[in-house]
PDB file of N, CA and C in Angstrom:
ATOM      1  N   MET A   1    -229.706 -96.082 -69.823  1.00  0.00           N
ATOM      2  CA  MET A   1    -229.591 -95.077 -68.766  1.00  0.00           C
ATOM      3  C   MET A   1    -230.618 -95.368 -67.699  1.00  0.00           C
ATOM      4  N   ALA A   2    -230.220 -95.270 -66.467  1.00  0.00           N
ATOM      5  CA  ALA A   2    -231.088 -95.552 -65.293  1.00  0.00           C
ATOM      6  C   ALA A   2    -231.788 -94.285 -64.869  1.00  0.00           C
ATOM      7  N   GLY A   3    -233.016 -94.417 -64.441  1.00  0.00           N
ATOM      8  CA  GLY A   3    -233.771 -93.285 -63.899  1.00  0.00           C
ATOM      9  C   GLY A   3    -234.774 -93.813 -62.869  1.00  0.00           C
ATOM     10  N   TYR A   4    -235.210 -92.858 -62.037  1.00  0.00           N
ATOM     11  CA  TYR A   4    -236.142 -93.208 -60.979  1.00  0.00           C
ATOM     12  C   TYR A   4    -237.508 -93.579 -61.616  1.00  0.00           C
ATOM     13  N   LEU A   5    -238.129 -94.606 -61.047  1.00  0.00           N
ATOM     14  CA  LEU A   5    -239.412 -95.051 -61.547  1.00  0.00           C
ATOM     15  C   LEU A   5    -240.532 -94.063 -61.229  1.00  0.00           C
ATOM     16  N   LEU A   6    -241.507 -93.958 -62.140  1.00  0.00           N
ATOM     17  CA  LEU A   6    -242.688 -93.110 -61.868  1.00  0.00           C
ATOM     18  C   LEU A   6    -243.662 -93.914 -61.024  1.00  0.00           C
ATOM     19  N   ASP A   7    -244.409 -93.229 -60.148  1.00  0.00           N
ATOM     20  CA  ASP A   7    -245.466 -93.861 -59.360  1.00  0.00           C
ATOM     21  C   ASP A   7    -246.660 -92.929 -59.371  1.00  0.00           C
ATOM     22  N   GLN A   8    -247.702 -93.315 -58.613  1.00  0.00           N
ATOM     23  CA  GLN A   8    -248.923 -92.525 -58.574  1.00  0.00           C
ATOM     24  C   GLN A   8    -248.708 -91.090 -58.076  1.00  0.00           C
ATOM     25  N   SER A   9    -247.649 -90.876 -57.288  1.00  0.00           N
ATOM     26  CA  SER A   9    -247.433 -89.530 -56.753  1.00  0.00           C
ATOM     27  C   SER A   9    -246.491 -88.690 -57.613  1.00  0.00           C
ATOM     28  N   SER A  10    -246.032 -89.221 -58.720  1.00  0.00           N
ATOM     29  CA  SER A  10    -245.137 -88.435 -59.590  1.00  0.00           C
ATOM     30  C   SER A  10    -245.885 -87.241 -60.183  1.00  0.00           C
ATOM     31  N   THR A  11    -245.143 -86.174 -60.376  1.00  0.00           N
ATOM     32  CA  THR A  11    -245.709 -84.969 -60.959  1.00  0.00           C
ATOM     33  C   THR A  11    -245.278 -84.921 -62.470  1.00  0.00           C
ATOM     34  N   VAL A  12    -246.286 -84.990 -63.318  1.00  0.00           N
ATOM     35  CA  VAL A  12    -246.076 -85.014 -64.765  1.00  0.00           C
ATOM     36  C   VAL A  12    -247.027 -83.954 -65.389  1.00  0.00           C
ATOM     37  N   GLN A  13    -246.470 -83.107 -66.276  1.00  0.00           N
ATOM     38  CA  GLN A  13    -247.295 -82.080 -66.946  1.00  0.00           C
ATOM     39  C   GLN A  13    -247.091 -82.131 -68.442  1.00  0.00           C
ATOM     40  N   CYS A  14    -248.129 -81.695 -69.151  1.00  0.00           N
ATOM     41  CA  CYS A  14    -247.945 -81.520 -70.582  1.00  0.00           C
ATOM     42  C   CYS A  14    -247.057 -80.310 -70.719  1.00  0.00           C
ATOM     43  N   GLN A  15    -246.531 -80.044 -71.912  1.00  0.00           N
ATOM     44  CA  GLN A  15    -245.635 -78.899 -72.104  1.00  0.00           C
ATOM     45  C   GLN A  15    -246.302 -77.559 -71.934  1.00  0.00           C
ATOM     46  N   HIS A  16    -247.631 -77.547 -71.830  1.00  0.00           N
ATOM     47  CA  HIS A  16    -248.352 -76.312 -71.656  1.00  0.00           C
ATOM     48  C   HIS A  16    -248.698 -76.071 -70.162  1.00  0.00           C
ATOM     49  N   GLY A  17    -248.409 -77.038 -69.304  1.00  0.00           N
ATOM     50  CA  GLY A  17    -248.656 -76.909 -67.871  1.00  0.00           C
ATOM     51  C   GLY A  17    -249.874 -77.675 -67.327  1.00  0.00           C
ATOM     52  N   GLY A  18    -250.530 -78.393 -68.198  1.00  0.00           N
ATOM     53  CA  GLY A  18    -251.654 -79.219 -67.734  1.00  0.00           C
ATOM     54  C   GLY A  18    -251.149 -80.433 -66.914  1.00  0.00           C
ATOM     55  N   GLN A  19    -251.910 -80.847 -65.928  1.00  0.00           N
ATOM     56  CA  GLN A  19    -251.518 -81.964 -65.061  1.00  0.00           C
ATOM     57  C   GLN A  19    -251.897 -83.295 -65.632  1.00  0.00           C
ATOM     58  N   ALA A  20    -250.934 -84.190 -65.732  1.00  0.00           N
ATOM     59  CA  ALA A  20    -251.125 -85.509 -66.223  1.00  0.00           C
ATOM     60  C   ALA A  20    -251.191 -86.531 -65.072  1.00  0.00           C
ATOM     61  N   GLN A  21    -252.136 -87.438 -65.171  1.00  0.00           N
ATOM     62  CA  GLN A  21    -252.337 -88.496 -64.121  1.00  0.00           C
ATOM     63  C   GLN A  21    -252.506 -89.824 -64.751  1.00  0.00           C
ATOM     64  N   ALA A  22    -251.922 -90.868 -64.165  1.00  0.00           N
ATOM     65  CA  ALA A  22    -252.077 -92.242 -64.716  1.00  0.00           C
ATOM     66  C   ALA A  22    -253.518 -92.694 -64.606  1.00  0.00           C
ATOM     67  N   MET A  23    -254.045 -93.292 -65.669  1.00  0.00           N
ATOM     68  CA  MET A  23    -255.419 -93.830 -65.636  1.00  0.00           C
ATOM     69  C   MET A  23    -255.456 -95.164 -64.900  1.00  0.00           C
ATOM     70  N   VAL A  24    -254.337 -95.950 -64.997  1.00  0.00           N
ATOM     71  CA  VAL A  24    -254.237 -97.248 -64.420  1.00  0.00           C
ATOM     72  C   VAL A  24    -252.885 -97.329 -63.718  1.00  0.00           C
ATOM     73  N   SER A  25    -252.886 -97.850 -62.486  1.00  0.00           N
ATOM     74  CA  SER A  25    -251.643 -98.035 -61.760  1.00  0.00           C
ATOM     75  C   SER A  25    -251.306 -99.530 -61.717  1.00  0.00           C
ATOM     76  N   ASN A  26    -250.137 -99.877 -61.205  1.00  0.00           N
ATOM     77  CA  ASN A  26    -249.656-101.219 -61.155  1.00  0.00           C
ATOM     78  C   ASN A  26    -249.570-101.644 -59.700  1.00  0.00           C
ATOM     79  N   PRO A  27    -250.548-102.384 -59.237  1.00  0.00           N
ATOM     80  CA  PRO A  27    -250.568-102.777 -57.785  1.00  0.00           C
ATOM     81  C   PRO A  27    -249.484-103.834 -57.425  1.00  0.00           C
ATOM     82  N   ARG A  28    -248.844-104.442 -58.397  1.00  0.00           N
ATOM     83  CA  ARG A  28    -247.834-105.471 -58.121  1.00  0.00           C
ATOM     84  C   ARG A  28    -246.499-104.914 -57.649  1.00  0.00           C
ATOM     85  N   VAL A  29    -246.147-103.706 -58.053  1.00  0.00           N
ATOM     86  CA  VAL A  29    -244.881-103.117 -57.719  1.00  0.00           C
ATOM     87  C   VAL A  29    -245.154-101.759 -57.056  1.00  0.00           C
ATOM     88  N   LYS A  30    -244.708-101.622 -55.787  1.00  0.00           N
ATOM     89  CA  LYS A  30    -244.891-100.363 -55.078  1.00  0.00           C
ATOM     90  C   LYS A  30    -243.561 -99.807 -54.635  1.00  0.00           C
ATOM     91  N   VAL A  31    -243.462 -98.503 -54.582  1.00  0.00           N
ATOM     92  CA  VAL A  31    -242.289 -97.837 -54.120  1.00  0.00           C
ATOM     93  C   VAL A  31    -242.732 -96.891 -53.032  1.00  0.00           C
ATOM     94  N   SER A  32    -242.261 -97.029 -51.826  1.00  0.00           N
ATOM     95  CA  SER A  32    -242.651 -96.177 -50.685  1.00  0.00           C
ATOM     96  C   SER A  32    -244.178 -96.180 -50.504  1.00  0.00           C
ATOM     97  N   GLY A  33    -244.800 -97.321 -50.753  1.00  0.00           N
ATOM     98  CA  GLY A  33    -246.250 -97.454 -50.579  1.00  0.00           C
ATOM     99  C   GLY A  33    -247.075 -96.950 -51.774  1.00  0.00           C
ATOM    100  N   GLN A  34    -246.435 -96.400 -52.779  1.00  0.00           N
ATOM    101  CA  GLN A  34    -247.156 -95.897 -53.943  1.00  0.00           C
ATOM    102  C   GLN A  34    -247.042 -96.901 -55.090  1.00  0.00           C
ATOM    103  N   GLN A  35    -248.156 -97.138 -55.807  1.00  0.00           N
ATOM    104  CA  GLN A  35    -248.134 -98.040 -56.961  1.00  0.00           C
ATOM    105  C   GLN A  35    -247.402 -97.405 -58.112  1.00  0.00           C
ATOM    106  N   THR A  36    -246.573 -98.249 -58.806  1.00  0.00           N
ATOM    107  CA  THR A  36    -245.869 -97.747 -60.027  1.00  0.00           C
ATOM    108  C   THR A  36    -246.857 -97.766 -61.174  1.00  0.00           C
ATOM    109  N   VAL A  37    -246.368 -97.331 -62.371  1.00  0.00           N
ATOM    110  CA  VAL A  37    -247.242 -97.270 -63.542  1.00  0.00           C
ATOM    111  C   VAL A  37    -246.517 -97.935 -64.738  1.00  0.00           C
ATOM    112  N   LEU A  38    -247.302 -98.596 -65.562  1.00  0.00           N
ATOM    113  CA  LEU A  38    -246.808 -99.342 -66.716  1.00  0.00           C
ATOM    114  C   LEU A  38    -246.922 -98.518 -67.980  1.00  0.00           C
ATOM    115  N   GLN A  39    -246.089 -98.821 -68.956  1.00  0.00           N
ATOM    116  CA  GLN A  39    -246.071 -98.033 -70.198  1.00  0.00           C
ATOM    117  C   GLN A  39    -247.418 -98.065 -71.025  1.00  0.00           C
ATOM    118  N   PRO A  40    -248.055 -99.207 -71.187  1.00  0.00           N
ATOM    119  CA  PRO A  40    -249.220 -99.248 -72.105  1.00  0.00           C
ATOM    120  C   PRO A  40    -250.368 -98.368 -71.753  1.00  0.00           C
ATOM    121  N   SER A  41    -250.505 -98.051 -70.468  1.00  0.00           N
ATOM    122  CA  SER A  41    -251.679 -97.285 -70.084  1.00  0.00           C
ATOM    123  C   SER A  41    -251.543 -95.828 -70.384  1.00  0.00           C
ATOM    124  N   PRO A  42    -252.539 -95.183 -71.058  1.00  0.00           N
ATOM    125  CA  PRO A  42    -252.476 -93.745 -71.265  1.00  0.00           C
ATOM    126  C   PRO A  42    -252.729 -92.985 -70.021  1.00  0.00           C
ATOM    127  N   TRP A  43    -252.354 -91.705 -69.998  1.00  0.00           N
ATOM    128  CA  TRP A  43    -252.588 -90.799 -68.885  1.00  0.00           C
ATOM    129  C   TRP A  43    -253.584 -89.761 -69.290  1.00  0.00           C
ATOM    130  N   THR A  44    -254.382 -89.294 -68.349  1.00  0.00           N
ATOM    131  CA  THR A  44    -255.311 -88.149 -68.654  1.00  0.00           C
ATOM    132  C   THR A  44    -254.594 -86.862 -68.330  1.00  0.00           C
ATOM    133  N   VAL A  45    -254.881 -85.824 -69.133  1.00  0.00           N
ATOM    134  CA  VAL A  45    -254.322 -84.495 -68.885  1.00  0.00           C
ATOM    135  C   VAL A  45    -255.491 -83.550 -68.645  1.00  0.00           C
ATOM    136  N   SER A  46    -255.362 -82.779 -67.549  1.00  0.00           N
ATOM    137  CA  SER A  46    -256.388 -81.812 -67.250  1.00  0.00           C
ATOM    138  C   SER A  46    -255.772 -80.458 -67.029  1.00  0.00           C
ATOM    139  N   GLY A  47    -256.495 -79.400 -67.365  1.00  0.00           N
ATOM    140  CA  GLY A  47    -256.092 -78.044 -67.131  1.00  0.00           C
ATOM    141  C   GLY A  47    -255.108 -77.540 -68.155  1.00  0.00           C
ATOM    142  N   CYS A  48    -255.026 -78.117 -69.307  1.00  0.00           N
ATOM    143  CA  CYS A  48    -254.135 -77.656 -70.365  1.00  0.00           C
ATOM    144  C   CYS A  48    -254.772 -76.399 -71.024  1.00  0.00           C
ATOM    145  N   PRO A  49    -254.014 -75.297 -71.079  1.00  0.00           N
ATOM    146  CA  PRO A  49    -254.565 -74.027 -71.638  1.00  0.00           C
ATOM    147  C   PRO A  49    -254.245 -73.853 -73.119  1.00  0.00           C
ATOM    148  N   PHE A  50    -253.751 -74.861 -73.813  1.00  0.00           N
ATOM    149  CA  PHE A  50    -253.244 -74.676 -75.200  1.00  0.00           C
ATOM    150  C   PHE A  50    -254.293 -74.237 -76.136  1.00  0.00           C
ATOM    151  N   MET A  51    -253.949 -73.213 -76.985  1.00  0.00           N
ATOM    152  CA  MET A  51    -254.861 -72.646 -77.979  1.00  0.00           C
ATOM    153  C   MET A  51    -254.160 -72.688 -79.332  1.00  0.00           C
ATOM    154  N   THR A  52    -254.897 -72.982 -80.387  1.00  0.00           N
ATOM    155  CA  THR A  52    -254.433 -72.845 -81.750  1.00  0.00           C
ATOM    156  C   THR A  52    -255.231 -71.714 -82.364  1.00  0.00           C
ATOM    157  N   GLY A  53    -254.584 -70.560 -82.498  1.00  0.00           N
ATOM    158  CA  GLY A  53    -255.330 -69.361 -82.931  1.00  0.00           C
ATOM    159  C   GLY A  53    -256.316 -69.017 -81.830  1.00  0.00           C
ATOM    160  N   ASN A  54    -257.620 -68.979 -82.185  1.00  0.00           N
ATOM    161  CA  ASN A  54    -258.663 -68.695 -81.225  1.00  0.00           C
ATOM    162  C   ASN A  54    -259.409 -69.945 -80.813  1.00  0.00           C
ATOM    163  N   VAL A  55    -258.851 -71.077 -81.157  1.00  0.00           N
ATOM    164  CA  VAL A  55    -259.540 -72.372 -80.837  1.00  0.00           C
ATOM    165  C   VAL A  55    -258.799 -73.061 -79.695  1.00  0.00           C
ATOM    166  N   ASN A  56    -259.566 -73.423 -78.665  1.00  0.00           N
ATOM    167  CA  ASN A  56    -259.007 -74.142 -77.553  1.00  0.00           C
ATOM    168  C   ASN A  56    -258.757 -75.595 -77.942  1.00  0.00           C
ATOM    169  N   THR A  57    -257.513 -76.021 -77.976  1.00  0.00           N
ATOM    170  CA  THR A  57    -257.110 -77.385 -78.361  1.00  0.00           C
ATOM    171  C   THR A  57    -256.212 -77.976 -77.235  1.00  0.00           C
ATOM    172  N   PRO A  58    -256.776 -78.205 -76.067  1.00  0.00           N
ATOM    173  CA  PRO A  58    -255.943 -78.706 -74.937  1.00  0.00           C
ATOM    174  C   PRO A  58    -255.486 -80.152 -75.155  1.00  0.00           C
ATOM    175  N   CYS A  59    -254.398 -80.487 -74.449  1.00  0.00           N
ATOM    176  CA  CYS A  59    -253.988 -81.892 -74.376  1.00  0.00           C
ATOM    177  C   CYS A  59    -255.042 -82.624 -73.562  1.00  0.00           C
ATOM    178  N   VAL A  60    -255.402 -83.811 -73.990  1.00  0.00           N
ATOM    179  CA  VAL A  60    -256.444 -84.579 -73.317  1.00  0.00           C
ATOM    180  C   VAL A  60    -255.856 -85.853 -72.712  1.00  0.00           C
ATOM    181  N   THR A  61    -255.033 -86.551 -73.447  1.00  0.00           N
ATOM    182  CA  THR A  61    -254.340 -87.743 -72.968  1.00  0.00           C
ATOM    183  C   THR A  61    -252.893 -87.683 -73.370  1.00  0.00           C
ATOM    184  N   ALA A  62    -252.077 -88.544 -72.707  1.00  0.00           N
ATOM    185  CA  ALA A  62    -250.677 -88.691 -73.065  1.00  0.00           C
ATOM    186  C   ALA A  62    -250.417 -90.188 -73.178  1.00  0.00           C
ATOM    187  N   GLN A  63    -249.761 -90.561 -74.279  1.00  0.00           N
ATOM    188  CA  GLN A  63    -249.399 -91.974 -74.542  1.00  0.00           C
ATOM    189  C   GLN A  63    -247.911 -92.081 -74.524  1.00  0.00           C
ATOM    190  N   TRP A  64    -247.397 -93.008 -73.718  1.00  0.00           N
ATOM    191  CA  TRP A  64    -245.983 -93.220 -73.525  1.00  0.00           C
ATOM    192  C   TRP A  64    -245.378 -94.041 -74.625  1.00  0.00           C
ATOM    193  N   SER A  65    -244.212 -93.558 -75.167  1.00  0.00           N
ATOM    194  CA  SER A  65    -243.542 -94.268 -76.241  1.00  0.00           C
ATOM    195  C   SER A  65    -242.242 -94.944 -75.815  1.00  0.00           C
ATOM    196  N   SER A  66    -241.779 -94.657 -74.610  1.00  0.00           N
ATOM    197  CA  SER A  66    -240.555 -95.312 -74.115  1.00  0.00           C
ATOM    198  C   SER A  66    -240.716 -95.600 -72.648  1.00  0.00           C
ATOM    199  N   ALA A  67    -240.029 -96.658 -72.201  1.00  0.00           N
ATOM    200  CA  ALA A  67    -240.077 -97.069 -70.798  1.00  0.00           C
ATOM    201  C   ALA A  67    -238.880 -97.886 -70.494  1.00  0.00           C
ATOM    202  N   THR A  68    -238.847 -98.525 -69.326  1.00  0.00           N
ATOM    203  CA  THR A  68    -237.701 -99.346 -68.936  1.00  0.00           C
ATOM    204  C   THR A  68    -237.520-100.495 -69.901  1.00  0.00           C
ATOM    205  N   GLN A  69    -236.277-100.911 -70.133  1.00  0.00           N
ATOM    206  CA  GLN A  69    -235.973-102.028 -71.001  1.00  0.00           C
ATOM    207  C   GLN A  69    -235.806-103.319 -70.188  1.00  0.00           C
ATOM    208  N   ARG A  70    -235.273-103.189 -68.972  1.00  0.00           N
ATOM    209  CA  ARG A  70    -234.971-104.388 -68.168  1.00  0.00           C
ATOM    210  C   ARG A  70    -235.911-104.633 -67.041  1.00  0.00           C
ATOM    211  N   VAL A  71    -236.477-103.588 -66.503  1.00  0.00           N
ATOM    212  CA  VAL A  71    -237.392-103.738 -65.333  1.00  0.00           C
ATOM    213  C   VAL A  71    -238.819-103.842 -65.841  1.00  0.00           C
ATOM    214  N   LYS A  72    -239.468-104.981 -65.515  1.00  0.00           N
ATOM    215  CA  LYS A  72    -240.840-105.177 -65.977  1.00  0.00           C
ATOM    216  C   LYS A  72    -241.704-105.772 -64.898  1.00  0.00           C
ATOM    217  N   SER A  73    -242.993-105.584 -65.030  1.00  0.00           N
ATOM    218  CA  SER A  73    -243.969-106.214 -64.130  1.00  0.00           C
ATOM    219  C   SER A  73    -245.070-106.744 -64.976  1.00  0.00           C
ATOM    220  N   ASN A  74    -245.415-108.014 -64.777  1.00  0.00           N
ATOM    221  CA  ASN A  74    -246.397-108.673 -65.633  1.00  0.00           C
ATOM    222  C   ASN A  74    -246.039-108.580 -67.114  1.00  0.00           C
ATOM    223  N   SER A  75    -244.757-108.698 -67.401  1.00  0.00           N
ATOM    224  CA  SER A  75    -244.222-108.625 -68.754  1.00  0.00           C
ATOM    225  C   SER A  75    -244.376-107.269 -69.446  1.00  0.00           C
ATOM    226  N   GLN A  76    -244.720-106.229 -68.661  1.00  0.00           N
ATOM    227  CA  GLN A  76    -244.892-104.865 -69.136  1.00  0.00           C
ATOM    228  C   GLN A  76    -243.800-103.977 -68.596  1.00  0.00           C
ATOM    229  N   PRO A  77    -243.245-103.089 -69.428  1.00  0.00           N
ATOM    230  CA  PRO A  77    -242.225-102.145 -68.935  1.00  0.00           C
ATOM    231  C   PRO A  77    -242.809-101.066 -68.028  1.00  0.00           C
ATOM    232  N   LEU A  78    -242.029-100.621 -67.080  1.00  0.00           N
ATOM    233  CA  LEU A  78    -242.438 -99.571 -66.165  1.00  0.00           C
ATOM    234  C   LEU A  78    -242.024 -98.222 -66.717  1.00  0.00           C
ATOM    235  N   LEU A  79    -242.682 -97.136 -66.293  1.00  0.00           N
ATOM    236  CA  LEU A  79    -242.290 -95.803 -66.669  1.00  0.00           C
ATOM    237  C   LEU A  79    -241.227 -95.284 -65.712  1.00  0.00           C
ATOM    238  N   TYR A  80    -240.291 -94.485 -66.221  1.00  0.00           N
ATOM    239  CA  TYR A  80    -239.240 -93.904 -65.408  1.00  0.00           C
ATOM    240  C   TYR A  80    -238.914 -92.477 -65.868  1.00  0.00           C
ATOM    241  N   LYS A  81    -238.051 -91.809 -65.148  1.00  0.00           N
ATOM    242  CA  LYS A  81    -237.743 -90.379 -65.365  1.00  0.00           C
ATOM    243  C   LYS A  81    -237.386 -90.059 -66.822  1.00  0.00           C
ATOM    244  N   ASP A  82    -236.783 -90.962 -67.565  1.00  0.00           N
ATOM    245  CA  ASP A  82    -236.399 -90.692 -68.961  1.00  0.00           C
ATOM    246  C   ASP A  82    -237.457 -91.118 -69.969  1.00  0.00           C
ATOM    247  N   SER A  83    -238.584 -91.591 -69.517  1.00  0.00           N
ATOM    248  CA  SER A  83    -239.603 -92.037 -70.437  1.00  0.00           C
ATOM    249  C   SER A  83    -240.166 -90.812 -71.248  1.00  0.00           C
ATOM    250  N   GLN A  84    -240.626 -91.111 -72.468  1.00  0.00           N
ATOM    251  CA  GLN A  84    -241.168 -90.039 -73.309  1.00  0.00           C
ATOM    252  C   GLN A  84    -242.642 -90.356 -73.655  1.00  0.00           C
ATOM    253  N   ALA A  85    -243.429 -89.269 -73.744  1.00  0.00           N
ATOM    254  CA  ALA A  85    -244.859 -89.440 -74.096  1.00  0.00           C
ATOM    255  C   ALA A  85    -245.233 -88.317 -75.046  1.00  0.00           C
ATOM    256  N   THR A  86    -246.302 -88.626 -75.811  1.00  0.00           N
ATOM    257  CA  THR A  86    -246.888 -87.634 -76.729  1.00  0.00           C
ATOM    258  C   THR A  86    -248.340 -87.383 -76.338  1.00  0.00           C
ATOM    259  N   CYS A  87    -248.700 -86.121 -76.294  1.00  0.00           N
ATOM    260  CA  CYS A  87    -250.075 -85.716 -75.936  1.00  0.00           C
ATOM    261  C   CYS A  87    -250.992 -85.780 -77.144  1.00  0.00           C
ATOM    262  N   VAL A  88    -252.264 -86.152 -76.938  1.00  0.00           N
ATOM    263  CA  VAL A  88    -253.244 -86.160 -77.958  1.00  0.00           C
ATOM    264  C   VAL A  88    -254.250 -85.046 -77.567  1.00  0.00           C
ATOM    265  N   PRO A  89    -254.658 -84.233 -78.489  1.00  0.00           N
ATOM    266  CA  PRO A  89    -254.625 -84.320 -79.913  1.00  0.00           C
ATOM    267  C   PRO A  89    -253.535 -83.508 -80.594  1.00  0.00           C
ATOM    268  N   ASN A  90    -252.728 -82.789 -79.894  1.00  0.00           N
ATOM    269  CA  ASN A  90    -251.803 -81.808 -80.531  1.00  0.00           C
ATOM    270  C   ASN A  90    -250.363 -82.302 -80.711  1.00  0.00           C
ATOM    271  N   GLY A  91    -249.989 -83.479 -80.197  1.00  0.00           N
ATOM    272  CA  GLY A  91    -248.667 -84.050 -80.474  1.00  0.00           C
ATOM    273  C   GLY A  91    -247.509 -83.475 -79.688  1.00  0.00           C
ATOM    274  N   THR A  92    -247.747 -82.719 -78.656  1.00  0.00           N
ATOM    275  CA  THR A  92    -246.628 -82.209 -77.843  1.00  0.00           C
ATOM    276  C   THR A  92    -246.238 -83.217 -76.810  1.00  0.00           C
ATOM    277  N   GLY A  93    -245.138 -82.991 -76.183  1.00  0.00           N
ATOM    278  CA  GLY A  93    -244.593 -83.951 -75.199  1.00  0.00           C
ATOM    279  C   GLY A  93    -245.012 -83.608 -73.755  1.00  0.00           C
ATOM    280  N   VAL A  94    -244.417 -84.312 -72.816  1.00  0.00           N
ATOM    281  CA  VAL A  94    -244.699 -84.080 -71.403  1.00  0.00           C
ATOM    282  C   VAL A  94    -243.382 -83.762 -70.693  1.00  0.00           C
ATOM    283  N   ASN A  95    -243.518 -83.157 -69.547  1.00  0.00           N
ATOM    284  CA  ASN A  95    -242.345 -82.898 -68.654  1.00  0.00           C
ATOM    285  C   ASN A  95    -242.573 -83.673 -67.338  1.00  0.00           C
ATOM    286  N   ILE A  96    -241.615 -84.495 -67.026  1.00  0.00           N
ATOM    287  CA  ILE A  96    -241.690 -85.203 -65.724  1.00  0.00           C
ATOM    288  C   ILE A  96    -240.971 -84.306 -64.727  1.00  0.00           C
ATOM    289  N   ILE A  97    -241.762 -83.770 -63.824  1.00  0.00           N
ATOM    290  CA  ILE A  97    -241.260 -82.768 -62.853  1.00  0.00           C
ATOM    291  C   ILE A  97    -240.647 -83.421 -61.617  1.00  0.00           C
ATOM    292  N   GLN A  98    -241.373 -84.394 -61.075  1.00  0.00           N
ATOM    293  CA  GLN A  98    -240.908 -85.030 -59.863  1.00  0.00           C
ATOM    294  C   GLN A  98    -241.286 -86.492 -59.781  1.00  0.00           C
ATOM    295  N   THR A  99    -240.320 -87.317 -59.325  1.00  0.00           N
ATOM    296  CA  THR A  99    -240.555 -88.723 -59.149  1.00  0.00           C
ATOM    297  C   THR A  99    -240.127 -89.105 -57.700  1.00  0.00           C
ATOM    298  N   GLN A 100    -240.453 -90.342 -57.345  1.00  0.00           N
ATOM    299  CA  GLN A 100    -239.893 -90.860 -56.084  1.00  0.00           C
ATOM    300  C   GLN A 100    -238.373 -91.021 -56.284  1.00  0.00           C
ATOM    301  N   THR A 101    -237.640 -91.131 -55.215  1.00  0.00           N
ATOM    302  CA  THR A 101    -236.180 -91.195 -55.282  1.00  0.00           C
ATOM    303  C   THR A 101    -235.574 -92.381 -54.555  1.00  0.00           C
ATOM    304  N   ARG A 102    -236.315 -93.473 -54.503  1.00  0.00           N
ATOM    305  CA  ARG A 102    -235.820 -94.653 -53.841  1.00  0.00           C
ATOM    306  C   ARG A 102    -235.418 -95.801 -54.781  1.00  0.00           C
ATOM    307  N   MET A 103    -236.102 -95.882 -55.949  1.00  0.00           N
ATOM    308  CA  MET A 103    -235.855 -97.050 -56.864  1.00  0.00           C
ATOM    309  C   MET A 103    -235.631 -96.534 -58.287  1.00  0.00           C
ATOM    310  N   LYS A 104    -234.529 -97.058 -58.897  1.00  0.00           N
ATOM    311  CA  LYS A 104    -234.229 -96.754 -60.283  1.00  0.00           C
ATOM    312  C   LYS A 104    -234.478 -97.955 -61.112  1.00  0.00           C
ATOM    313  N   GLY A 105    -234.723 -97.712 -62.435  1.00  0.00           N
ATOM    314  CA  GLY A 105    -234.887 -98.770 -63.402  1.00  0.00           C
ATOM    315  C   GLY A 105    -234.162 -98.399 -64.677  1.00  0.00           C
ATOM    316  N   THR A 106    -233.846 -99.444 -65.486  1.00  0.00           N
ATOM    317  CA  THR A 106    -233.198 -99.234 -66.733  1.00  0.00           C
ATOM    318  C   THR A 106    -233.957 -99.954 -67.843  1.00  0.00           C
TER     319      THR A 106
END
């Protein structure tokens, strides 16, 4: 399935509404002047309000488990709209809210 590639300006949130940002971008492939992101790099999550009982257990990072199969940069798969990630430490997923709309990958 094809989907738009994620880049530095993509809006990604944990399932609780915290903002996720790429720790490392990919300077070799740009879309509309923005660097794309590769699967192996974790993302930081900030502003997650998740609580377990009375204990604050926010999402801290997100690790991607799926990415493009055919489109790669430096032998690494790129992230796209259908990519999946799991947040640490609580194991919830992320929501990809907005991506660029110029380039798709499979």
